[in-house]
Amino acid sequence: MKYTSINLQEKLAKFTDLWSPKVIAEMNDYQFKLVKVQGDFVWHKHEDTDEVFMVLEGHLTIEFRNGEVKLNQGEMFVIPRNVEHKPYAESECKIMLVEPKGVVNTGDKTTQQTAENDVWI
């Protein structure tokens, strides 16, 4: 086994595309993904899994049909399974997602923002 840490800033510097999660590690059946976001995302839900958002840099708002949560750098939020949500960032925000392997970024929808899944950096 190779004992090497994962440098989040180095990984984030390897891509510029928005709303396209990149896998950096796996633990059991879960993946840790980095993603840069800006502007509106699509309303969607993940019927079979919760989803973790951790803000590494910037500010993220996650809208729900009955409210919203605002996340700043160093904060995280767990979205329960089957809850419709729409992330939004006024300016570029860098986040880490933690979710089971195989989860598509747009959940139950297929849109122009649906990213290729399981892309490693």
N, C-alpha and C. Protein backbone atom coordinates (compact mmCIF):
# COMPACT_ATOMS: atom_id res chain seq x y z
N MET A 1 0.83 -1.19 0.00
CA MET A 1 0.00 0.00 0.00
C MET A 1 0.88 1.25 0.00
N LYS A 2 0.44 2.23 -0.78
CA LYS A 2 1.15 3.50 -0.85
C LYS A 2 0.49 4.47 0.13
N TYR A 3 1.26 5.04 1.05
CA TYR A 3 0.73 5.96 2.05
C TYR A 3 0.98 7.39 1.61
N THR A 4 0.00 7.94 0.90
CA THR A 4 0.12 9.30 0.38
C THR A 4 -1.15 10.06 0.70
N SER A 5 -0.99 11.24 1.25
CA SER A 5 -2.16 12.06 1.55
C SER A 5 -2.74 12.63 0.25
N ILE A 6 -3.97 13.06 0.33
CA ILE A 6 -4.64 13.70 -0.80
C ILE A 6 -4.70 15.19 -0.51
N ASN A 7 -4.08 15.97 -1.37
CA ASN A 7 -4.08 17.42 -1.20
C ASN A 7 -5.26 18.00 -1.97
N LEU A 8 -6.24 18.53 -1.25
CA LEU A 8 -7.46 19.02 -1.88
C LEU A 8 -7.19 20.19 -2.82
N GLN A 9 -6.31 21.10 -2.43
CA GLN A 9 -6.01 22.25 -3.29
C GLN A 9 -5.34 21.81 -4.60
N GLU A 10 -4.46 20.84 -4.54
CA GLU A 10 -3.83 20.33 -5.76
C GLU A 10 -4.86 19.69 -6.67
N LYS A 11 -5.78 18.94 -6.09
CA LYS A 11 -6.82 18.30 -6.88
C LYS A 11 -7.75 19.34 -7.51
N LEU A 12 -8.14 20.36 -6.73
CA LEU A 12 -9.02 21.42 -7.26
C LEU A 12 -8.36 22.19 -8.39
N ALA A 13 -7.04 22.32 -8.36
CA ALA A 13 -6.32 23.05 -9.41
C ALA A 13 -6.28 22.29 -10.74
N LYS A 14 -6.66 21.03 -10.75
CA LYS A 14 -6.57 20.20 -11.95
C LYS A 14 -7.77 20.33 -12.88
N PHE A 15 -8.80 21.08 -12.48
CA PHE A 15 -9.96 21.22 -13.36
C PHE A 15 -10.61 22.59 -13.18
N THR A 16 -11.34 23.01 -14.20
CA THR A 16 -12.02 24.30 -14.17
C THR A 16 -13.51 24.18 -14.43
N ASP A 17 -13.96 23.05 -14.95
CA ASP A 17 -15.38 22.93 -15.30
C ASP A 17 -16.26 22.98 -14.06
N LEU A 18 -17.46 23.51 -14.24
CA LEU A 18 -18.42 23.68 -13.15
C LEU A 18 -19.46 22.55 -13.14
N TRP A 19 -19.95 22.26 -11.96
CA TRP A 19 -21.03 21.28 -11.76
C TRP A 19 -20.66 19.89 -12.29
N SER A 20 -19.38 19.56 -12.25
CA SER A 20 -18.91 18.28 -12.75
C SER A 20 -18.03 17.61 -11.70
N PRO A 21 -18.63 16.85 -10.78
CA PRO A 21 -17.88 16.26 -9.66
C PRO A 21 -16.75 15.33 -10.12
N LYS A 22 -15.63 15.43 -9.40
CA LYS A 22 -14.46 14.59 -9.67
C LYS A 22 -14.16 13.76 -8.42
N VAL A 23 -14.00 12.47 -8.60
CA VAL A 23 -13.74 11.56 -7.48
C VAL A 23 -12.27 11.67 -7.08
N ILE A 24 -12.04 11.78 -5.76
CA ILE A 24 -10.66 11.82 -5.27
C ILE A 24 -10.34 10.66 -4.33
N ALA A 25 -11.38 9.97 -3.83
CA ALA A 25 -11.14 8.84 -2.92
C ALA A 25 -12.41 8.02 -2.77
N GLU A 26 -12.22 6.77 -2.34
CA GLU A 26 -13.35 5.90 -2.01
C GLU A 26 -13.13 5.31 -0.63
N MET A 27 -14.24 5.13 0.08
CA MET A 27 -14.22 4.47 1.38
C MET A 27 -15.42 3.54 1.40
N ASN A 28 -15.16 2.24 1.49
CA ASN A 28 -16.22 1.25 1.36
C ASN A 28 -16.94 1.51 0.04
N ASP A 29 -18.24 1.76 0.05
CA ASP A 29 -18.97 2.03 -1.18
C ASP A 29 -19.25 3.51 -1.39
N TYR A 30 -18.55 4.37 -0.65
CA TYR A 30 -18.76 5.82 -0.75
C TYR A 30 -17.62 6.48 -1.49
N GLN A 31 -17.96 7.55 -2.20
CA GLN A 31 -16.95 8.34 -2.90
C GLN A 31 -16.89 9.75 -2.32
N PHE A 32 -15.68 10.29 -2.32
CA PHE A 32 -15.43 11.68 -1.96
C PHE A 32 -15.18 12.40 -3.28
N LYS A 33 -15.98 13.43 -3.55
CA LYS A 33 -15.90 14.13 -4.83
C LYS A 33 -15.68 15.62 -4.60
N LEU A 34 -14.83 16.21 -5.43
CA LEU A 34 -14.64 17.66 -5.43
C LEU A 34 -15.41 18.22 -6.62
N VAL A 35 -15.99 19.41 -6.42
CA VAL A 35 -16.73 20.05 -7.50
C VAL A 35 -16.68 21.56 -7.31
N LYS A 36 -16.57 22.24 -8.44
CA LYS A 36 -16.66 23.70 -8.43
C LYS A 36 -18.04 24.06 -8.97
N VAL A 37 -18.70 24.99 -8.30
CA VAL A 37 -20.05 25.36 -8.68
C VAL A 37 -20.18 26.88 -8.76
N GLN A 38 -21.07 27.32 -9.62
CA GLN A 38 -21.40 28.73 -9.72
C GLN A 38 -22.72 28.84 -10.48
N GLY A 39 -23.59 29.73 -10.02
CA GLY A 39 -24.89 29.91 -10.64
C GLY A 39 -25.88 28.89 -10.11
N ASP A 40 -26.94 28.69 -10.87
CA ASP A 40 -28.02 27.77 -10.47
C ASP A 40 -27.76 26.36 -10.96
N PHE A 41 -28.17 25.40 -10.15
CA PHE A 41 -28.20 24.01 -10.56
C PHE A 41 -29.66 23.64 -10.80
N VAL A 42 -29.93 22.43 -11.13
CA VAL A 42 -31.27 21.95 -11.43
C VAL A 42 -31.92 21.39 -10.16
N TRP A 43 -33.25 21.56 -10.04
CA TRP A 43 -33.99 20.91 -8.96
C TRP A 43 -33.88 19.40 -9.18
N HIS A 44 -33.55 18.66 -8.12
CA HIS A 44 -33.44 17.21 -8.23
C HIS A 44 -33.49 16.58 -6.84
N LYS A 45 -33.54 15.26 -6.81
CA LYS A 45 -33.47 14.51 -5.55
C LYS A 45 -32.77 13.19 -5.82
N HIS A 46 -32.29 12.60 -4.74
CA HIS A 46 -31.65 11.29 -4.79
C HIS A 46 -32.55 10.36 -3.97
N GLU A 47 -33.28 9.51 -4.67
CA GLU A 47 -34.30 8.69 -4.01
C GLU A 47 -33.74 7.67 -3.03
N ASP A 48 -32.51 7.22 -3.26
CA ASP A 48 -31.98 6.11 -2.47
C ASP A 48 -30.86 6.46 -1.51
N THR A 49 -30.48 7.74 -1.43
CA THR A 49 -29.33 8.05 -0.58
C THR A 49 -29.36 9.47 -0.06
N ASP A 50 -28.77 9.65 1.11
CA ASP A 50 -28.48 10.98 1.63
C ASP A 50 -27.28 11.52 0.84
N GLU A 51 -27.04 12.84 0.96
CA GLU A 51 -25.92 13.46 0.25
C GLU A 51 -25.30 14.51 1.18
N VAL A 52 -23.97 14.51 1.25
CA VAL A 52 -23.25 15.45 2.11
C VAL A 52 -22.59 16.52 1.25
N PHE A 53 -22.82 17.79 1.62
CA PHE A 53 -22.15 18.93 1.00
C PHE A 53 -21.23 19.56 2.04
N MET A 54 -19.94 19.71 1.72
CA MET A 54 -18.98 20.40 2.58
C MET A 54 -18.38 21.54 1.78
N VAL A 55 -18.50 22.77 2.29
CA VAL A 55 -17.96 23.92 1.57
C VAL A 55 -16.49 24.10 1.95
N LEU A 56 -15.63 24.01 0.96
CA LEU A 56 -14.20 24.19 1.17
C LEU A 56 -13.79 25.64 0.98
N GLU A 57 -14.47 26.32 0.06
CA GLU A 57 -14.15 27.72 -0.23
C GLU A 57 -15.39 28.37 -0.86
N GLY A 58 -15.78 29.53 -0.36
CA GLY A 58 -16.91 30.24 -0.94
C GLY A 58 -18.17 30.10 -0.10
N HIS A 59 -19.30 30.35 -0.77
CA HIS A 59 -20.61 30.32 -0.11
C HIS A 59 -21.58 29.57 -1.00
N LEU A 60 -22.36 28.69 -0.41
CA LEU A 60 -23.32 27.86 -1.15
C LEU A 60 -24.68 27.98 -0.49
N THR A 61 -25.71 28.15 -1.31
CA THR A 61 -27.08 28.09 -0.82
C THR A 61 -27.71 26.84 -1.40
N ILE A 62 -28.39 26.08 -0.56
CA ILE A 62 -29.14 24.92 -1.03
C ILE A 62 -30.60 25.23 -0.77
N GLU A 63 -31.36 25.35 -1.85
CA GLU A 63 -32.78 25.65 -1.74
C GLU A 63 -33.58 24.36 -1.65
N PHE A 64 -34.64 24.42 -0.87
CA PHE A 64 -35.61 23.34 -0.74
C PHE A 64 -36.97 23.93 -1.09
N ARG A 65 -37.94 23.12 -1.32
CA ARG A 65 -39.27 23.63 -1.67
C ARG A 65 -39.89 24.42 -0.53
N ASN A 66 -39.41 24.19 0.70
CA ASN A 66 -39.99 24.87 1.87
C ASN A 66 -38.95 25.65 2.68
N GLY A 67 -37.84 26.04 2.05
CA GLY A 67 -36.82 26.79 2.78
C GLY A 67 -35.46 26.68 2.10
N GLU A 68 -34.42 27.07 2.84
CA GLU A 68 -33.06 26.99 2.30
C GLU A 68 -32.07 26.92 3.45
N VAL A 69 -30.86 26.50 3.11
CA VAL A 69 -29.74 26.52 4.05
C VAL A 69 -28.59 27.22 3.35
N LYS A 70 -27.91 28.11 4.08
CA LYS A 70 -26.75 28.82 3.55
C LYS A 70 -25.51 28.26 4.22
N LEU A 71 -24.53 27.87 3.42
CA LEU A 71 -23.31 27.27 3.93
C LEU A 71 -22.12 28.16 3.59
N ASN A 72 -21.28 28.39 4.56
CA ASN A 72 -20.04 29.15 4.38
C ASN A 72 -18.86 28.19 4.42
N GLN A 73 -17.68 28.70 4.10
CA GLN A 73 -16.46 27.90 4.15
C GLN A 73 -16.35 27.21 5.50
N GLY A 74 -16.06 25.91 5.47
CA GLY A 74 -15.89 25.15 6.70
C GLY A 74 -17.19 24.57 7.25
N GLU A 75 -18.31 24.75 6.54
CA GLU A 75 -19.59 24.21 7.01
C GLU A 75 -20.05 23.09 6.09
N MET A 76 -20.91 22.22 6.65
CA MET A 76 -21.44 21.11 5.88
C MET A 76 -22.91 20.91 6.19
N PHE A 77 -23.57 20.19 5.31
CA PHE A 77 -25.00 19.89 5.49
C PHE A 77 -25.28 18.54 4.87
N VAL A 78 -26.16 17.77 5.52
CA VAL A 78 -26.57 16.47 5.00
C VAL A 78 -28.00 16.60 4.47
N ILE A 79 -28.16 16.32 3.19
CA ILE A 79 -29.50 16.34 2.58
C ILE A 79 -30.06 14.93 2.66
N PRO A 80 -31.19 14.76 3.33
CA PRO A 80 -31.78 13.42 3.44
C PRO A 80 -32.23 12.88 2.07
N ARG A 81 -32.23 11.59 1.96
CA ARG A 81 -32.68 10.96 0.72
C ARG A 81 -34.10 11.42 0.37
N ASN A 82 -34.35 11.48 -0.91
CA ASN A 82 -35.67 11.79 -1.46
C ASN A 82 -36.15 13.21 -1.16
N VAL A 83 -35.26 14.12 -0.79
CA VAL A 83 -35.64 15.52 -0.55
C VAL A 83 -35.18 16.34 -1.76
N GLU A 84 -36.13 16.98 -2.43
CA GLU A 84 -35.81 17.78 -3.60
C GLU A 84 -35.03 19.02 -3.18
N HIS A 85 -33.97 19.32 -3.92
CA HIS A 85 -33.11 20.45 -3.58
C HIS A 85 -32.47 21.03 -4.83
N LYS A 86 -31.97 22.29 -4.67
CA LYS A 86 -31.32 22.98 -5.79
C LYS A 86 -30.18 23.82 -5.23
N PRO A 87 -28.93 23.41 -5.44
CA PRO A 87 -27.79 24.21 -5.01
C PRO A 87 -27.64 25.46 -5.88
N TYR A 88 -27.08 26.51 -5.27
CA TYR A 88 -26.84 27.77 -5.95
C TYR A 88 -25.63 28.45 -5.32
N ALA A 89 -24.78 29.03 -6.16
CA ALA A 89 -23.64 29.81 -5.67
C ALA A 89 -23.53 31.06 -6.53
N GLU A 90 -23.56 32.22 -5.89
CA GLU A 90 -23.46 33.48 -6.62
C GLU A 90 -22.11 33.61 -7.32
N SER A 91 -21.04 33.25 -6.64
CA SER A 91 -19.71 33.23 -7.25
C SER A 91 -19.13 31.83 -7.05
N GLU A 92 -18.01 31.57 -7.70
CA GLU A 92 -17.47 30.21 -7.66
C GLU A 92 -17.29 29.72 -6.22
N CYS A 93 -17.75 28.52 -5.99
CA CYS A 93 -17.68 27.87 -4.68
C CYS A 93 -17.09 26.48 -4.90
N LYS A 94 -16.19 26.08 -4.01
CA LYS A 94 -15.56 24.77 -4.11
C LYS A 94 -16.08 23.90 -2.98
N ILE A 95 -16.60 22.74 -3.34
CA ILE A 95 -17.22 21.88 -2.34
C ILE A 95 -16.74 20.44 -2.48
N MET A 96 -16.94 19.70 -1.40
CA MET A 96 -16.72 18.26 -1.41
C MET A 96 -18.07 17.59 -1.18
N LEU A 97 -18.35 16.59 -1.98
CA LEU A 97 -19.54 15.77 -1.82
C LEU A 97 -19.12 14.41 -1.30
N VAL A 98 -19.95 13.83 -0.45
CA VAL A 98 -19.74 12.46 0.00
C VAL A 98 -21.04 11.73 -0.28
N GLU A 99 -20.94 10.69 -1.12
CA GLU A 99 -22.14 9.97 -1.51
C GLU A 99 -21.75 8.58 -2.02
N PRO A 100 -22.70 7.66 -2.07
CA PRO A 100 -22.37 6.32 -2.53
C PRO A 100 -21.88 6.32 -3.98
N LYS A 101 -21.04 5.38 -4.29
CA LYS A 101 -20.54 5.20 -5.65
C LYS A 101 -21.73 5.02 -6.59
N GLY A 102 -21.66 5.68 -7.75
CA GLY A 102 -22.71 5.52 -8.75
C GLY A 102 -23.78 6.60 -8.73
N VAL A 103 -23.76 7.49 -7.74
CA VAL A 103 -24.76 8.55 -7.67
C VAL A 103 -24.49 9.57 -8.76
N VAL A 104 -25.53 9.88 -9.53
CA VAL A 104 -25.44 10.87 -10.61
C VAL A 104 -25.74 12.24 -10.03
N ASN A 105 -25.00 13.25 -10.46
CA ASN A 105 -25.11 14.58 -9.86
C ASN A 105 -26.51 15.19 -9.97
N THR A 106 -27.26 14.87 -11.02
CA THR A 106 -28.61 15.43 -11.16
C THR A 106 -29.69 14.48 -10.66
N GLY A 107 -29.29 13.44 -9.95
CA GLY A 107 -30.24 12.54 -9.30
C GLY A 107 -31.26 11.95 -10.25
N ASP A 108 -32.54 12.30 -10.00
CA ASP A 108 -33.65 11.72 -10.75
C ASP A 108 -33.92 12.42 -12.08
N LYS A 109 -33.08 13.38 -12.45
CA LYS A 109 -33.26 14.14 -13.70
C LYS A 109 -32.05 13.93 -14.62
N THR A 110 -32.30 14.05 -15.93
CA THR A 110 -31.20 14.10 -16.89
C THR A 110 -31.33 15.43 -17.61
N THR A 111 -30.30 16.27 -17.46
CA THR A 111 -30.32 17.62 -18.03
C THR A 111 -28.96 17.92 -18.65
N GLN A 112 -28.80 19.15 -19.14
CA GLN A 112 -27.51 19.58 -19.66
C GLN A 112 -26.46 19.60 -18.57
N GLN A 113 -26.89 19.66 -17.29
CA GLN A 113 -25.95 19.70 -16.17
C GLN A 113 -25.59 18.30 -15.65
N THR A 114 -26.16 17.26 -16.25
CA THR A 114 -25.80 15.91 -15.84
C THR A 114 -24.36 15.64 -16.27
N ALA A 115 -23.51 15.37 -15.29
CA ALA A 115 -22.08 15.17 -15.56
C ALA A 115 -21.76 13.68 -15.74
N GLU A 116 -20.67 13.43 -16.43
CA GLU A 116 -20.16 12.06 -16.53
C GLU A 116 -19.87 11.58 -15.12
N ASN A 117 -20.24 10.36 -14.84
CA ASN A 117 -20.08 9.82 -13.49
C ASN A 117 -18.76 9.07 -13.33
N ASP A 118 -18.27 9.02 -12.11
CA ASP A 118 -17.10 8.23 -11.75
C ASP A 118 -15.83 8.70 -12.46
N VAL A 119 -15.66 10.03 -12.56
CA VAL A 119 -14.46 10.61 -13.16
C VAL A 119 -13.46 10.90 -12.04
N TRP A 120 -12.30 10.28 -12.12
CA TRP A 120 -11.26 10.44 -11.10
C TRP A 120 -10.24 11.50 -11.51
N ILE A 121 -9.73 12.23 -10.52
CA ILE A 121 -8.61 13.13 -10.78
C ILE A 121 -7.51 12.81 -9.78
